[in-house]
Amino acid sequence: SNTVSLRKLVNGAVTVLDSASFTVTPATWYALRLDAVGNELRAYVNGRLLLEATDGSLPVGTAGPVMFKAAVDYDDFSSIQP
């Protein structure tokens, strides 16, 4: 749907925290950066800030990219706690 979104999943319920239009070009690599510092969340695509949200409801948890109805390859994924 050419949309990128920042979501949380709690007990099977998905909540969209922010979303934006983003034109996806097939067979193109994108650099995705997700920042979660305190309750501030940010998502960057190719170095450009696209999404921001504030959510302090989950002080701990796991993180990772998820695609919905899309084919995807990941080059690598790392998660770092500052």
C-alpha atoms as a PDB file:
ATOM      1  CA  SER A   1       0.000   0.000   0.000  1.00  0.00           C
ATOM      2  CA  ASN A   2       3.085   2.257  -0.214  1.00  0.00           C
ATOM      3  CA  THR A   3       2.773   3.047   3.475  1.00  0.00           C
ATOM      4  CA  VAL A   4       5.341   2.791   6.223  1.00  0.00           C
ATOM      5  CA  SER A   5       4.094   2.629   9.794  1.00  0.00           C
ATOM      6  CA  LEU A   6       5.342   2.441  13.340  1.00  0.00           C
ATOM      7  CA  ARG A   7       3.259  -0.057  15.302  1.00  0.00           C
ATOM      8  CA  LYS A   8       3.225  -1.899  18.576  1.00  0.00           C
ATOM      9  CA  LEU A   9       1.928  -5.389  19.228  1.00  0.00           C
ATOM     10  CA  VAL A  10       0.585  -6.227  22.691  1.00  0.00           C
ATOM     11  CA  ASN A  11      -1.283  -9.477  23.397  1.00  0.00           C
ATOM     12  CA  GLY A  12      -2.154  -9.868  19.716  1.00  0.00           C
ATOM     13  CA  ALA A  13      -3.525  -6.325  19.357  1.00  0.00           C
ATOM     14  CA  VAL A  14      -1.779  -4.024  16.883  1.00  0.00           C
ATOM     15  CA  THR A  15      -1.766  -0.265  17.492  1.00  0.00           C
ATOM     16  CA  VAL A  16      -0.530   2.136  14.796  1.00  0.00           C
ATOM     17  CA  LEU A  17       1.554   4.838  16.475  1.00  0.00           C
ATOM     18  CA  ASP A  18       2.353   6.774  13.277  1.00  0.00           C
ATOM     19  CA  SER A  19       2.248   6.184   9.512  1.00  0.00           C
ATOM     20  CA  ALA A  20       3.268   7.968   6.336  1.00  0.00           C
ATOM     21  CA  SER A  21       3.060   7.503   2.597  1.00  0.00           C
ATOM     22  CA  PHE A  22       6.201   5.996   1.133  1.00  0.00           C
ATOM     23  CA  THR A  23       6.586   4.867  -2.465  1.00  0.00           C
ATOM     24  CA  VAL A  24       8.254   1.467  -2.544  1.00  0.00           C
ATOM     25  CA  THR A  25      10.243   0.522  -5.632  1.00  0.00           C
ATOM     26  CA  PRO A  26      10.541  -3.248  -6.205  1.00  0.00           C
ATOM     27  CA  ALA A  27      14.066  -4.728  -6.123  1.00  0.00           C
ATOM     28  CA  THR A  28      15.414  -1.664  -4.297  1.00  0.00           C
ATOM     29  CA  TRP A  29      17.318  -1.833  -0.998  1.00  0.00           C
ATOM     30  CA  TYR A  30      16.322   0.571   1.767  1.00  0.00           C
ATOM     31  CA  ALA A  31      18.195   1.420   4.948  1.00  0.00           C
ATOM     32  CA  LEU A  32      15.826   1.335   7.923  1.00  0.00           C
ATOM     33  CA  ARG A  33      16.744   2.812  11.297  1.00  0.00           C
ATOM     34  CA  LEU A  34      14.485   2.555  14.332  1.00  0.00           C
ATOM     35  CA  ASP A  35      15.266   4.557  17.475  1.00  0.00           C
ATOM     36  CA  ALA A  36      13.583   3.889  20.811  1.00  0.00           C
ATOM     37  CA  VAL A  37      15.065   6.155  23.463  1.00  0.00           C
ATOM     38  CA  GLY A  38      12.971   6.394  26.601  1.00  0.00           C
ATOM     39  CA  ASN A  39       9.414   6.833  25.354  1.00  0.00           C
ATOM     40  CA  GLU A  40      10.451   8.581  22.122  1.00  0.00           C
ATOM     41  CA  LEU A  41      10.248   6.472  18.947  1.00  0.00           C
ATOM     42  CA  ARG A  42      11.582   7.437  15.528  1.00  0.00           C
ATOM     43  CA  ALA A  43      11.813   5.651  12.177  1.00  0.00           C
ATOM     44  CA  TYR A  44      14.164   6.661   9.374  1.00  0.00           C
ATOM     45  CA  VAL A  45      14.312   5.377   5.801  1.00  0.00           C
ATOM     46  CA  ASN A  46      17.538   6.067   3.917  1.00  0.00           C
ATOM     47  CA  GLY A  47      18.511   8.600   6.586  1.00  0.00           C
ATOM     48  CA  ARG A  48      15.270  10.577   6.328  1.00  0.00           C
ATOM     49  CA  LEU A  49      13.038  10.851   9.399  1.00  0.00           C
ATOM     50  CA  LEU A  50       9.594   9.581   8.401  1.00  0.00           C
ATOM     51  CA  LEU A  51       7.838   8.643  11.636  1.00  0.00           C
ATOM     52  CA  GLU A  52       7.778   9.851  15.228  1.00  0.00           C
ATOM     53  CA  ALA A  53       5.729   8.770  18.217  1.00  0.00           C
ATOM     54  CA  THR A  54       5.728   8.951  21.985  1.00  0.00           C
ATOM     55  CA  ASP A  55       4.639   5.862  23.871  1.00  0.00           C
ATOM     56  CA  GLY A  56       5.672   5.014  27.414  1.00  0.00           C
ATOM     57  CA  SER A  57       3.254   2.146  27.916  1.00  0.00           C
ATOM     58  CA  LEU A  58       5.881  -0.590  27.370  1.00  0.00           C
ATOM     59  CA  PRO A  59       9.104   0.089  29.275  1.00  0.00           C
ATOM     60  CA  VAL A  60      10.649  -3.207  28.034  1.00  0.00           C
ATOM     61  CA  GLY A  61      10.100  -5.532  25.108  1.00  0.00           C
ATOM     62  CA  THR A  62      11.542  -6.760  21.826  1.00  0.00           C
ATOM     63  CA  ALA A  63      12.063  -4.986  18.534  1.00  0.00           C
ATOM     64  CA  GLY A  64      12.286  -5.965  14.899  1.00  0.00           C
ATOM     65  CA  PRO A  65      11.075  -5.193  11.400  1.00  0.00           C
ATOM     66  CA  VAL A  66       7.825  -6.811  10.269  1.00  0.00           C
ATOM     67  CA  MET A  67       6.319  -6.743   6.801  1.00  0.00           C
ATOM     68  CA  PHE A  68       2.656  -7.270   5.990  1.00  0.00           C
ATOM     69  CA  LYS A  69       1.699  -8.749   2.618  1.00  0.00           C
ATOM     70  CA  ALA A  70       5.147  -8.010   1.213  1.00  0.00           C
ATOM     71  CA  ALA A  71       8.165  -9.989   0.067  1.00  0.00           C
ATOM     72  CA  VAL A  72      11.303  -8.848   1.827  1.00  0.00           C
ATOM     73  CA  ASP A  73      14.997  -9.695   2.227  1.00  0.00           C
ATOM     74  CA  TYR A  74      17.044  -8.459   5.183  1.00  0.00           C
ATOM     75  CA  ASP A  75      20.755  -7.814   4.775  1.00  0.00           C
ATOM     76  CA  ASP A  76      21.209  -7.618   8.533  1.00  0.00           C
ATOM     77  CA  PHE A  77      19.517  -6.501  11.714  1.00  0.00           C
ATOM     78  CA  SER A  78      21.082  -5.331  14.948  1.00  0.00           C
ATOM     79  CA  SER A  79      19.627  -3.974  18.139  1.00  0.00           C
ATOM     80  CA  ILE A  80      21.760  -1.922  20.517  1.00  0.00           C
ATOM     81  CA  GLN A  81      20.933  -0.622  23.964  1.00  0.00           C
ATOM     82  CA  PRO A  82      22.766   2.671  24.575  1.00  0.00           C
END
